[in-house]
C-alpha cells in the first residue's frame, strides 16, 4: 500500500472514530483507551522491526500515568502534563535502554519484564506515597485553563489522543521508511553486517527503544486523563502482555495495525465481559488463537491480502 493511500485510510479511520464517539457516547471512553494503547503498541512496532519484543513496556505506561497524577497536584494543565510524562518516560527509556540493548531476543524481552515488575513492586510497597494497590485519584485537571470534566472533557481527551495517534503514526511511518528503519530490519536479519558498514546496532536499537518509551509515555498520560485513577496494575506484567497481544492482533505490517488491534481488543473485551462475565479472558484467548491460525499477519495483514486479491 502506498504512503498516500495509507494516509487517507488513517484519516478515514480518525473520522470514523469521531462519528462513532458521537453516535454512541459510551464508546468515547473505550475508543480513547484504544487509541492510547495503540500509541504504546506503535512504539513496540519499532522494536518488532528489529526482531525484538518487550514484555515490560507497561513500565513506561505506569511511569507516565503516575507523573500525571502527581504533577496535576502542582500544575493541573494537561497540555503541560502530557509532554512532561512523555519526557520522563523517554529519559527512563534512555537509562534502561543503555543496558537492555546489549541483549537480544528472549533476554531482551525478559529483562524488560523484570524491570517492569520491580517498578510494580515499588508502587505497591511505598504506600505512604503511592497508596499502594488503591492507587491515586487525579485532582481536577484543565486544558488551556478550562476544566477537563464532563462531556467536554471526554471529547477533549479523545481529541488529544487522536492528534497524538496521527502525529506519532506519521513519524513512525517516516522512520520505518528511512535509513533508521532499514538499520532496524538489519538487526533482525544479520546484525554483523551493520557493524561491517560502520553502523552501531546498539545505537540504532537504543534510538528505537527511547522512541517507544516516549510513545508509551504519551499512552500512559492519556490513560490517566481518561480513567482519572492510576494504580500499580498499569505496570503489571499482564498490561505488558496486553500490548504484545494487541501487536499480534493488529499486525506489524503498517502503522495502522496497532490501532486496529487496540480497537478490536478493547471492543472484544467490552462485549465479552458483558456477555461472558466469568470467561471473557477465554474469549480473548480464542480470538488471538484464531488470528494466529487463520491470519498470522494480523488484522492489517488480512486487509492487505484482500486488497491485493482484489
C-alpha atoms as a PDB file:
ATOM      1  CA  UNK A   1       0.000   0.000   0.000  1.00  0.00           C
ATOM      2  CA  UNK A   2       1.332   3.433  -0.942  1.00  0.00           C
ATOM      3  CA  UNK A   3       2.007   6.154   1.612  1.00  0.00           C
ATOM      4  CA  UNK A   4      -0.820   8.273   0.215  1.00  0.00           C
ATOM      5  CA  UNK A   5      -3.425   5.511   0.457  1.00  0.00           C
ATOM      6  CA  UNK A   6      -2.252   4.663   3.963  1.00  0.00           C
ATOM      7  CA  UNK A   7      -2.584   8.326   4.966  1.00  0.00           C
ATOM      8  CA  UNK A   8      -6.095   8.502   3.528  1.00  0.00           C
ATOM      9  CA  UNK A   9      -7.026   5.320   5.372  1.00  0.00           C
ATOM     10  CA  UNK A  10      -5.697   6.747   8.629  1.00  0.00           C
ATOM     11  CA  UNK A  11      -7.702   9.956   8.184  1.00  0.00           C
ATOM     12  CA  UNK A  12     -10.808   7.930   7.330  1.00  0.00           C
ATOM     13  CA  UNK A  13     -10.269   5.889  10.486  1.00  0.00           C
ATOM     14  CA  UNK A  14      -9.967   9.061  12.564  1.00  0.00           C
ATOM     15  CA  UNK A  15     -13.206  10.379  11.063  1.00  0.00           C
ATOM     16  CA  UNK A  16     -14.919   7.046  11.809  1.00  0.00           C
ATOM     17  CA  UNK A  17     -13.793   7.244  15.432  1.00  0.00           C
ATOM     18  CA  UNK A  18     -15.307  10.721  15.770  1.00  0.00           C
ATOM     19  CA  UNK A  19     -18.592   9.562  14.197  1.00  0.00           C
ATOM     20  CA  UNK A  20     -18.801   6.507  16.460  1.00  0.00           C
ATOM     21  CA  UNK A  21     -17.976   8.573  19.538  1.00  0.00           C
ATOM     22  CA  UNK A  22     -20.770  10.994  18.647  1.00  0.00           C
ATOM     23  CA  UNK A  23     -23.342   8.310  17.768  1.00  0.00           C
ATOM     24  CA  UNK A  24     -22.583   6.074  20.753  1.00  0.00           C
ATOM     25  CA  UNK A  25     -21.460   8.275  23.683  1.00  0.00           C
ATOM     26  CA  UNK A  26     -20.224   5.428  25.889  1.00  0.00           C
ATOM     27  CA  UNK A  27     -17.744   4.474  23.173  1.00  0.00           C
ATOM     28  CA  UNK A  28     -15.751   7.669  23.792  1.00  0.00           C
ATOM     29  CA  UNK A  29     -14.071   6.104  26.795  1.00  0.00           C
ATOM     30  CA  UNK A  30     -13.383   2.797  25.030  1.00  0.00           C
ATOM     31  CA  UNK A  31     -12.021   4.443  21.875  1.00  0.00           C
ATOM     32  CA  UNK A  32      -9.799   6.823  23.855  1.00  0.00           C
ATOM     33  CA  UNK A  33      -8.261   3.894  25.747  1.00  0.00           C
ATOM     34  CA  UNK A  34      -7.860   2.030  22.440  1.00  0.00           C
ATOM     35  CA  UNK A  35      -6.028   4.997  20.903  1.00  0.00           C
ATOM     36  CA  UNK A  36      -3.759   5.231  23.951  1.00  0.00           C
ATOM     37  CA  UNK A  37      -2.855   1.547  23.830  1.00  0.00           C
ATOM     38  CA  UNK A  38      -2.390   1.814  20.075  1.00  0.00           C
ATOM     39  CA  UNK A  39       0.186   4.532  20.742  1.00  0.00           C
ATOM     40  CA  UNK A  40       2.109   2.249  23.103  1.00  0.00           C
ATOM     41  CA  UNK A  41       1.976  -0.626  20.610  1.00  0.00           C
ATOM     42  CA  UNK A  42       3.172   1.728  17.869  1.00  0.00           C
ATOM     43  CA  UNK A  43       6.403   2.047  19.843  1.00  0.00           C
ATOM     44  CA  UNK A  44       6.639  -1.731  20.166  1.00  0.00           C
ATOM     45  CA  UNK A  45       6.258  -1.878  16.378  1.00  0.00           C
ATOM     46  CA  UNK A  46       9.662  -0.176  16.076  1.00  0.00           C
ATOM     47  CA  UNK A  47      11.218  -2.882  18.227  1.00  0.00           C
ATOM     48  CA  UNK A  48       9.491  -5.622  16.254  1.00  0.00           C
ATOM     49  CA  UNK A  49      11.131  -4.264  13.113  1.00  0.00           C
ATOM     50  CA  UNK A  50      14.418  -5.162  14.797  1.00  0.00           C
ATOM     51  CA  UNK A  51      13.093  -8.597  15.780  1.00  0.00           C
ATOM     52  CA  UNK A  52      12.876  -7.697  19.478  1.00  0.00           C
ATOM     53  CA  UNK A  53       9.825  -7.907  21.741  1.00  0.00           C
ATOM     54  CA  UNK A  54       9.498  -6.058  25.034  1.00  0.00           C
ATOM     55  CA  UNK A  55       7.413  -7.751  27.721  1.00  0.00           C
ATOM     56  CA  UNK A  56       7.829  -4.805  30.075  1.00  0.00           C
ATOM     57  CA  UNK A  57       6.727  -1.639  28.296  1.00  0.00           C
ATOM     58  CA  UNK A  58       3.963  -1.224  30.860  1.00  0.00           C
ATOM     59  CA  UNK A  59       6.741   0.304  32.985  1.00  0.00           C
ATOM     60  CA  UNK A  60       6.698   3.466  30.858  1.00  0.00           C
ATOM     61  CA  UNK A  61       2.919   3.443  30.708  1.00  0.00           C
ATOM     62  CA  UNK A  62       2.705   3.452  34.505  1.00  0.00           C
ATOM     63  CA  UNK A  63       5.517   5.972  34.983  1.00  0.00           C
ATOM     64  CA  UNK A  64       3.733   8.462  32.738  1.00  0.00           C
ATOM     65  CA  UNK A  65       0.370   7.859  34.399  1.00  0.00           C
ATOM     66  CA  UNK A  66       1.821   8.470  37.870  1.00  0.00           C
ATOM     67  CA  UNK A  67       3.657  11.535  36.555  1.00  0.00           C
ATOM     68  CA  UNK A  68       0.310  12.974  35.504  1.00  0.00           C
ATOM     69  CA  UNK A  69      -1.270  12.032  38.854  1.00  0.00           C
ATOM     70  CA  UNK A  70       1.468  13.656  40.936  1.00  0.00           C
ATOM     71  CA  UNK A  71       2.075  16.539  38.544  1.00  0.00           C
ATOM     72  CA  UNK A  72      -1.588  17.508  38.477  1.00  0.00           C
ATOM     73  CA  UNK A  73      -1.375  18.307  42.174  1.00  0.00           C
ATOM     74  CA  UNK A  74       1.050  21.157  41.408  1.00  0.00           C
ATOM     75  CA  UNK A  75       0.358  22.072  37.762  1.00  0.00           C
ATOM     76  CA  UNK A  76      -3.098  20.861  36.653  1.00  0.00           C
ATOM     77  CA  UNK A  77      -2.621  21.804  32.971  1.00  0.00           C
ATOM     78  CA  UNK A  78      -2.991  18.740  30.705  1.00  0.00           C
ATOM     79  CA  UNK A  79      -1.017  20.322  27.853  1.00  0.00           C
ATOM     80  CA  UNK A  80       1.985  20.565  30.192  1.00  0.00           C
ATOM     81  CA  UNK A  81       1.470  17.204  31.884  1.00  0.00           C
ATOM     82  CA  UNK A  82       1.375  15.276  28.582  1.00  0.00           C
ATOM     83  CA  UNK A  83       4.839  16.284  27.322  1.00  0.00           C
ATOM     84  CA  UNK A  84       6.277  16.062  30.841  1.00  0.00           C
ATOM     85  CA  UNK A  85       5.072  12.475  31.204  1.00  0.00           C
ATOM     86  CA  UNK A  86       6.445  11.537  27.775  1.00  0.00           C
ATOM     87  CA  UNK A  87       9.768  13.248  28.529  1.00  0.00           C
ATOM     88  CA  UNK A  88      10.271  11.390  31.809  1.00  0.00           C
ATOM     89  CA  UNK A  89       9.345   8.109  30.123  1.00  0.00           C
ATOM     90  CA  UNK A  90      11.900   8.871  27.410  1.00  0.00           C
ATOM     91  CA  UNK A  91      14.628   9.685  29.950  1.00  0.00           C
ATOM     92  CA  UNK A  92      13.990   6.448  31.835  1.00  0.00           C
ATOM     93  CA  UNK A  93      13.873   4.626  28.500  1.00  0.00           C
ATOM     94  CA  UNK A  94      17.314   6.028  27.683  1.00  0.00           C
ATOM     95  CA  UNK A  95      18.778   4.923  31.017  1.00  0.00           C
ATOM     96  CA  UNK A  96      17.288   1.440  30.815  1.00  0.00           C
ATOM     97  CA  UNK A  97      17.938   1.200  27.093  1.00  0.00           C
ATOM     98  CA  UNK A  98      21.679   1.700  27.589  1.00  0.00           C
ATOM     99  CA  UNK A  99      21.571  -1.592  29.472  1.00  0.00           C
ATOM    100  CA  UNK A 100      18.957  -3.735  27.685  1.00  0.00           C
ATOM    101  CA  UNK A 101      20.071  -3.034  24.086  1.00  0.00           C
ATOM    102  CA  UNK A 102      23.116  -5.167  24.827  1.00  0.00           C
ATOM    103  CA  UNK A 103      20.840  -8.208  24.754  1.00  0.00           C
ATOM    104  CA  UNK A 104      18.648  -9.827  22.129  1.00  0.00           C
ATOM    105  CA  UNK A 105      15.545 -11.989  21.759  1.00  0.00           C
ATOM    106  CA  UNK A 106      14.268 -13.672  24.952  1.00  0.00           C
ATOM    107  CA  UNK A 107      16.909 -11.961  27.128  1.00  0.00           C
ATOM    108  CA  UNK A 108      15.809  -8.553  25.835  1.00  0.00           C
ATOM    109  CA  UNK A 109      12.151  -9.330  26.491  1.00  0.00           C
ATOM    110  CA  UNK A 110      12.621 -10.831  29.948  1.00  0.00           C
ATOM    111  CA  UNK A 111      14.926  -8.043  31.179  1.00  0.00           C
ATOM    112  CA  UNK A 112      12.227  -5.529  30.307  1.00  0.00           C
ATOM    113  CA  UNK A 113       9.676  -7.680  32.106  1.00  0.00           C
ATOM    114  CA  UNK A 114      11.856  -7.920  35.225  1.00  0.00           C
ATOM    115  CA  UNK A 115      12.381  -4.153  35.380  1.00  0.00           C
ATOM    116  CA  UNK A 116       8.670  -3.548  34.936  1.00  0.00           C
ATOM    117  CA  UNK A 117       7.875  -5.891  37.840  1.00  0.00           C
ATOM    118  CA  UNK A 118      10.460  -4.120  40.017  1.00  0.00           C
ATOM    119  CA  UNK A 119       8.655  -0.842  39.357  1.00  0.00           C
ATOM    120  CA  UNK A 120       5.325  -2.551  40.113  1.00  0.00           C
ATOM    121  CA  UNK A 121       6.698  -3.689  43.484  1.00  0.00           C
ATOM    122  CA  UNK A 122       7.909  -0.169  44.268  1.00  0.00           C
ATOM    123  CA  UNK A 123       4.471   1.255  43.534  1.00  0.00           C
ATOM    124  CA  UNK A 124       2.861  -1.431  45.711  1.00  0.00           C
ATOM    125  CA  UNK A 125       5.188  -1.136  48.703  1.00  0.00           C
ATOM    126  CA  UNK A 126       5.592   2.652  49.017  1.00  0.00           C
ATOM    127  CA  UNK A 127       2.056   3.036  50.311  1.00  0.00           C
ATOM    128  CA  UNK A 128       2.643   6.392  52.001  1.00  0.00           C
ATOM    129  CA  UNK A 129       3.431   7.923  48.613  1.00  0.00           C
ATOM    130  CA  UNK A 130       1.515   5.839  46.061  1.00  0.00           C
ATOM    131  CA  UNK A 131      -1.362   4.491  48.224  1.00  0.00           C
ATOM    132  CA  UNK A 132      -0.406   1.003  47.109  1.00  0.00           C
ATOM    133  CA  UNK A 133      -2.995  -1.056  45.262  1.00  0.00           C
ATOM    134  CA  UNK A 134      -5.635   1.600  45.981  1.00  0.00           C
ATOM    135  CA  UNK A 135      -3.865   3.941  43.576  1.00  0.00           C
ATOM    136  CA  UNK A 136      -4.201   7.694  43.208  1.00  0.00           C
ATOM    137  CA  UNK A 137      -7.231   9.663  42.123  1.00  0.00           C
ATOM    138  CA  UNK A 138      -6.377  12.539  39.778  1.00  0.00           C
ATOM    139  CA  UNK A 139      -7.202  16.015  41.083  1.00  0.00           C
ATOM    140  CA  UNK A 140      -9.134  18.377  38.769  1.00  0.00           C
ATOM    141  CA  UNK A 141      -7.239  18.958  35.512  1.00  0.00           C
ATOM    142  CA  UNK A 142      -7.588  21.769  32.977  1.00  0.00           C
ATOM    143  CA  UNK A 143      -6.858  22.323  29.275  1.00  0.00           C
ATOM    144  CA  UNK A 144      -5.950  25.912  28.446  1.00  0.00           C
ATOM    145  CA  UNK A 145      -7.467  26.885  31.772  1.00  0.00           C
ATOM    146  CA  UNK A 146     -10.795  25.126  31.122  1.00  0.00           C
ATOM    147  CA  UNK A 147     -11.830  22.273  33.449  1.00  0.00           C
ATOM    148  CA  UNK A 148     -11.385  18.830  31.930  1.00  0.00           C
ATOM    149  CA  UNK A 149     -14.692  17.373  33.066  1.00  0.00           C
ATOM    150  CA  UNK A 150     -17.988  16.053  31.784  1.00  0.00           C
ATOM    151  CA  UNK A 151     -18.776  15.512  28.107  1.00  0.00           C
ATOM    152  CA  UNK A 152     -16.475  18.343  27.035  1.00  0.00           C
ATOM    153  CA  UNK A 153     -13.617  16.727  28.906  1.00  0.00           C
ATOM    154  CA  UNK A 154     -14.245  13.375  27.216  1.00  0.00           C
ATOM    155  CA  UNK A 155     -14.169  14.974  23.772  1.00  0.00           C
ATOM    156  CA  UNK A 156     -11.031  16.930  24.633  1.00  0.00           C
ATOM    157  CA  UNK A 157      -9.073  13.864  25.749  1.00  0.00           C
ATOM    158  CA  UNK A 158     -10.318  11.906  22.731  1.00  0.00           C
ATOM    159  CA  UNK A 159      -9.155  14.770  20.504  1.00  0.00           C
ATOM    160  CA  UNK A 160      -5.729  14.823  22.156  1.00  0.00           C
ATOM    161  CA  UNK A 161      -5.425  11.058  21.710  1.00  0.00           C
ATOM    162  CA  UNK A 162      -6.382  11.322  18.033  1.00  0.00           C
ATOM    163  CA  UNK A 163      -3.865  14.092  17.353  1.00  0.00           C
ATOM    164  CA  UNK A 164      -1.101  12.144  19.084  1.00  0.00           C
ATOM    165  CA  UNK A 165      -2.029   8.955  17.234  1.00  0.00           C
ATOM    166  CA  UNK A 166      -1.943  10.665  13.834  1.00  0.00           C
ATOM    167  CA  UNK A 167       1.278  12.568  14.589  1.00  0.00           C
ATOM    168  CA  UNK A 168       3.168   9.604  16.040  1.00  0.00           C
ATOM    169  CA  UNK A 169       1.863   7.328  13.302  1.00  0.00           C
ATOM    170  CA  UNK A 170       3.179   9.707  10.640  1.00  0.00           C
ATOM    171  CA  UNK A 171       6.567   9.982  12.359  1.00  0.00           C
ATOM    172  CA  UNK A 172       6.927   6.216  12.716  1.00  0.00           C
ATOM    173  CA  UNK A 173       5.886   5.749   9.080  1.00  0.00           C
ATOM    174  CA  UNK A 174       8.667   8.117   8.001  1.00  0.00           C
ATOM    175  CA  UNK A 175      11.162   6.497  10.384  1.00  0.00           C
ATOM    176  CA  UNK A 176      10.478   2.989   9.081  1.00  0.00           C
ATOM    177  CA  UNK A 177      10.996   4.167   5.503  1.00  0.00           C
ATOM    178  CA  UNK A 178      14.249   5.943   6.430  1.00  0.00           C
ATOM    179  CA  UNK A 179      17.769   4.525   6.898  1.00  0.00           C
ATOM    180  CA  UNK A 180      16.854   4.015  10.565  1.00  0.00           C
ATOM    181  CA  UNK A 181      14.097   1.621   9.539  1.00  0.00           C
ATOM    182  CA  UNK A 182      16.454  -0.230   7.222  1.00  0.00           C
ATOM    183  CA  UNK A 183      19.007  -0.485  10.008  1.00  0.00           C
ATOM    184  CA  UNK A 184      16.364  -1.878  12.381  1.00  0.00           C
ATOM    185  CA  UNK A 185      15.474  -4.513   9.790  1.00  0.00           C
ATOM    186  CA  UNK A 186      19.189  -5.249   9.511  1.00  0.00           C
ATOM    187  CA  UNK A 187      19.337  -6.049  13.234  1.00  0.00           C
ATOM    188  CA  UNK A 188      16.623  -8.655  12.688  1.00  0.00           C
ATOM    189  CA  UNK A 189      18.262 -10.322   9.687  1.00  0.00           C
ATOM    190  CA  UNK A 190      22.051 -10.127  10.168  1.00  0.00           C
ATOM    191  CA  UNK A 191      23.342  -7.696  12.738  1.00  0.00           C
ATOM    192  CA  UNK A 192      27.029  -8.198  11.944  1.00  0.00           C
ATOM    193  CA  UNK A 193      26.534  -6.628   8.512  1.00  0.00           C
ATOM    194  CA  UNK A 194      25.691  -3.329  10.191  1.00  0.00           C
ATOM    195  CA  UNK A 195      28.953  -3.485  12.134  1.00  0.00           C
ATOM    196  CA  UNK A 196      30.875  -4.038   8.905  1.00  0.00           C
ATOM    197  CA  UNK A 197      29.140  -0.979   7.421  1.00  0.00           C
ATOM    198  CA  UNK A 198      30.182   1.167  10.386  1.00  0.00           C
ATOM    199  CA  UNK A 199      26.639   1.391  11.826  1.00  0.00           C
ATOM    200  CA  UNK A 200      26.264   0.622  15.543  1.00  0.00           C
ATOM    201  CA  UNK A 201      23.327  -1.799  16.073  1.00  0.00           C
ATOM    202  CA  UNK A 202      23.179  -0.845  19.739  1.00  0.00           C
ATOM    203  CA  UNK A 203      22.733   2.855  18.927  1.00  0.00           C
ATOM    204  CA  UNK A 204      20.079   2.089  16.325  1.00  0.00           C
ATOM    205  CA  UNK A 205      18.148  -0.128  18.741  1.00  0.00           C
ATOM    206  CA  UNK A 206      18.601   2.434  21.523  1.00  0.00           C
ATOM    207  CA  UNK A 207      17.047   5.159  19.357  1.00  0.00           C
ATOM    208  CA  UNK A 208      14.051   2.916  18.638  1.00  0.00           C
ATOM    209  CA  UNK A 209      13.801   1.937  22.302  1.00  0.00           C
ATOM    210  CA  UNK A 210      13.741   5.539  23.537  1.00  0.00           C
ATOM    211  CA  UNK A 211      11.138   6.456  20.901  1.00  0.00           C
ATOM    212  CA  UNK A 212       8.999   3.514  22.003  1.00  0.00           C
ATOM    213  CA  UNK A 213       9.279   4.640  25.638  1.00  0.00           C
ATOM    214  CA  UNK A 214       8.159   8.170  24.692  1.00  0.00           C
ATOM    215  CA  UNK A 215       5.104   6.837  22.858  1.00  0.00           C
ATOM    216  CA  UNK A 216       4.269   4.580  25.815  1.00  0.00           C
ATOM    217  CA  UNK A 217       4.592   7.712  27.959  1.00  0.00           C
ATOM    218  CA  UNK A 218       2.030   9.554  25.864  1.00  0.00           C
ATOM    219  CA  UNK A 219      -0.215   6.479  26.144  1.00  0.00           C
ATOM    220  CA  UNK A 220       0.069   6.353  29.928  1.00  0.00           C
ATOM    221  CA  UNK A 221      -0.716  10.057  30.215  1.00  0.00           C
ATOM    222  CA  UNK A 222      -3.844   9.684  28.059  1.00  0.00           C
ATOM    223  CA  UNK A 223      -4.981   6.685  30.101  1.00  0.00           C
ATOM    224  CA  UNK A 224      -4.529   8.670  33.320  1.00  0.00           C
ATOM    225  CA  UNK A 225      -6.520  11.625  31.950  1.00  0.00           C
ATOM    226  CA  UNK A 226      -9.252   9.262  30.752  1.00  0.00           C
ATOM    227  CA  UNK A 227      -9.674   6.987  33.764  1.00  0.00           C
ATOM    228  CA  UNK A 228      -8.797   9.756  36.301  1.00  0.00           C
ATOM    229  CA  UNK A 229      -7.365   6.996  38.513  1.00  0.00           C
ATOM    230  CA  UNK A 230      -3.969   5.281  38.355  1.00  0.00           C
ATOM    231  CA  UNK A 231      -2.912   2.069  40.107  1.00  0.00           C
ATOM    232  CA  UNK A 232       0.190  -0.165  40.135  1.00  0.00           C
ATOM    233  CA  UNK A 233      -1.705  -2.580  37.865  1.00  0.00           C
ATOM    234  CA  UNK A 234      -0.657  -0.346  34.967  1.00  0.00           C
ATOM    235  CA  UNK A 235       2.909  -1.665  35.338  1.00  0.00           C
ATOM    236  CA  UNK A 236       1.955  -5.301  35.995  1.00  0.00           C
ATOM    237  CA  UNK A 237       3.095  -7.977  33.534  1.00  0.00           C
ATOM    238  CA  UNK A 238      -0.467  -8.519  32.296  1.00  0.00           C
ATOM    239  CA  UNK A 239      -0.563  -4.952  30.964  1.00  0.00           C
ATOM    240  CA  UNK A 240       2.651  -5.546  29.017  1.00  0.00           C
ATOM    241  CA  UNK A 241       1.093  -8.792  27.801  1.00  0.00           C
ATOM    242  CA  UNK A 242      -1.925  -6.843  26.538  1.00  0.00           C
ATOM    243  CA  UNK A 243       0.338  -4.645  24.442  1.00  0.00           C
ATOM    244  CA  UNK A 244       2.046  -7.667  22.872  1.00  0.00           C
ATOM    245  CA  UNK A 245      -1.394  -9.262  22.343  1.00  0.00           C
ATOM    246  CA  UNK A 246      -2.560  -6.124  20.525  1.00  0.00           C
ATOM    247  CA  UNK A 247       0.609  -6.060  18.405  1.00  0.00           C
ATOM    248  CA  UNK A 248      -0.079  -9.623  17.232  1.00  0.00           C
ATOM    249  CA  UNK A 249      -3.777  -8.954  16.763  1.00  0.00           C
ATOM    250  CA  UNK A 250      -3.314  -5.800  14.694  1.00  0.00           C
ATOM    251  CA  UNK A 251      -0.276  -6.906  12.723  1.00  0.00           C
ATOM    252  CA  UNK A 252       3.095  -5.226  12.278  1.00  0.00           C
ATOM    253  CA  UNK A 253       2.920  -4.547   8.547  1.00  0.00           C
ATOM    254  CA  UNK A 254       1.728  -0.964   8.936  1.00  0.00           C
ATOM    255  CA  UNK A 255       1.483   1.837  11.490  1.00  0.00           C
ATOM    256  CA  UNK A 256      -2.299   1.419  11.275  1.00  0.00           C
ATOM    257  CA  UNK A 257      -2.066  -2.148  12.605  1.00  0.00           C
ATOM    258  CA  UNK A 258      -1.503  -1.205  16.280  1.00  0.00           C
ATOM    259  CA  UNK A 259      -4.643   0.957  16.323  1.00  0.00           C
ATOM    260  CA  UNK A 260      -6.735  -1.673  14.545  1.00  0.00           C
ATOM    261  CA  UNK A 261      -5.546  -4.233  17.067  1.00  0.00           C
ATOM    262  CA  UNK A 262      -6.202  -1.925  20.019  1.00  0.00           C
ATOM    263  CA  UNK A 263      -9.734  -1.100  18.838  1.00  0.00           C
ATOM    264  CA  UNK A 264     -10.518  -4.783  18.198  1.00  0.00           C
ATOM    265  CA  UNK A 265      -9.076  -5.756  21.574  1.00  0.00           C
ATOM    266  CA  UNK A 266     -10.983  -3.156  23.601  1.00  0.00           C
ATOM    267  CA  UNK A 267     -14.292  -3.748  21.819  1.00  0.00           C
ATOM    268  CA  UNK A 268     -13.931  -7.524  22.128  1.00  0.00           C
ATOM    269  CA  UNK A 269     -13.122  -7.200  25.810  1.00  0.00           C
ATOM    270  CA  UNK A 270     -16.109  -4.933  26.469  1.00  0.00           C
ATOM    271  CA  UNK A 271     -18.608  -7.204  24.719  1.00  0.00           C
ATOM    272  CA  UNK A 272     -17.013 -10.396  26.035  1.00  0.00           C
ATOM    273  CA  UNK A 273     -17.112  -9.072  29.602  1.00  0.00           C
ATOM    274  CA  UNK A 274     -20.785  -8.103  29.162  1.00  0.00           C
ATOM    275  CA  UNK A 275     -21.773 -11.448  27.618  1.00  0.00           C
ATOM    276  CA  UNK A 276     -19.420 -13.864  29.385  1.00  0.00           C
ATOM    277  CA  UNK A 277     -18.658 -12.140  32.665  1.00  0.00           C
ATOM    278  CA  UNK A 278     -16.683 -15.067  34.095  1.00  0.00           C
ATOM    279  CA  UNK A 279     -14.983 -16.202  30.905  1.00  0.00           C
ATOM    280  CA  UNK A 280     -14.087 -13.078  28.937  1.00  0.00           C
ATOM    281  CA  UNK A 281     -10.361 -13.901  29.156  1.00  0.00           C
ATOM    282  CA  UNK A 282     -11.079 -17.201  27.402  1.00  0.00           C
ATOM    283  CA  UNK A 283     -12.890 -15.337  24.615  1.00  0.00           C
ATOM    284  CA  UNK A 284      -9.868 -13.061  24.122  1.00  0.00           C
ATOM    285  CA  UNK A 285      -7.605 -16.105  24.061  1.00  0.00           C
ATOM    286  CA  UNK A 286      -9.742 -17.747  21.399  1.00  0.00           C
ATOM    287  CA  UNK A 287      -9.676 -14.561  19.320  1.00  0.00           C
ATOM    288  CA  UNK A 288      -5.876 -14.457  19.491  1.00  0.00           C
ATOM    289  CA  UNK A 289      -5.651 -18.150  18.645  1.00  0.00           C
ATOM    290  CA  UNK A 290      -7.917 -17.603  15.646  1.00  0.00           C
ATOM    291  CA  UNK A 291      -5.759 -14.705  14.436  1.00  0.00           C
ATOM    292  CA  UNK A 292      -2.549 -16.734  14.772  1.00  0.00           C
ATOM    293  CA  UNK A 293      -4.005 -19.702  12.896  1.00  0.00           C
ATOM    294  CA  UNK A 294      -6.082 -18.008  10.193  1.00  0.00           C
ATOM    295  CA  UNK A 295      -4.472 -14.564   9.883  1.00  0.00           C
ATOM    296  CA  UNK A 296      -0.827 -14.741  11.036  1.00  0.00           C
ATOM    297  CA  UNK A 297      -0.279 -11.220   9.650  1.00  0.00           C
ATOM    298  CA  UNK A 298      -2.937  -9.835  11.989  1.00  0.00           C
ATOM    299  CA  UNK A 299      -5.915  -7.710  11.030  1.00  0.00           C
ATOM    300  CA  UNK A 300      -3.789  -5.453   8.849  1.00  0.00           C
ATOM    301  CA  UNK A 301      -2.276  -8.444   7.076  1.00  0.00           C
ATOM    302  CA  UNK A 302      -5.757  -9.775   6.344  1.00  0.00           C
ATOM    303  CA  UNK A 303      -6.868  -6.405   4.946  1.00  0.00           C
ATOM    304  CA  UNK A 304      -3.744  -6.133   2.794  1.00  0.00           C
ATOM    305  CA  UNK A 305      -4.222  -9.647   1.407  1.00  0.00           C
ATOM    306  CA  UNK A 306      -7.786  -8.900   0.372  1.00  0.00           C
ATOM    307  CA  UNK A 307      -6.736  -5.651  -1.272  1.00  0.00           C
ATOM    308  CA  UNK A 308      -4.052  -7.453  -3.280  1.00  0.00           C
ATOM    309  CA  UNK A 309      -6.515 -10.166  -4.262  1.00  0.00           C
ATOM    310  CA  UNK A 310      -8.985  -7.525  -5.483  1.00  0.00           C
END
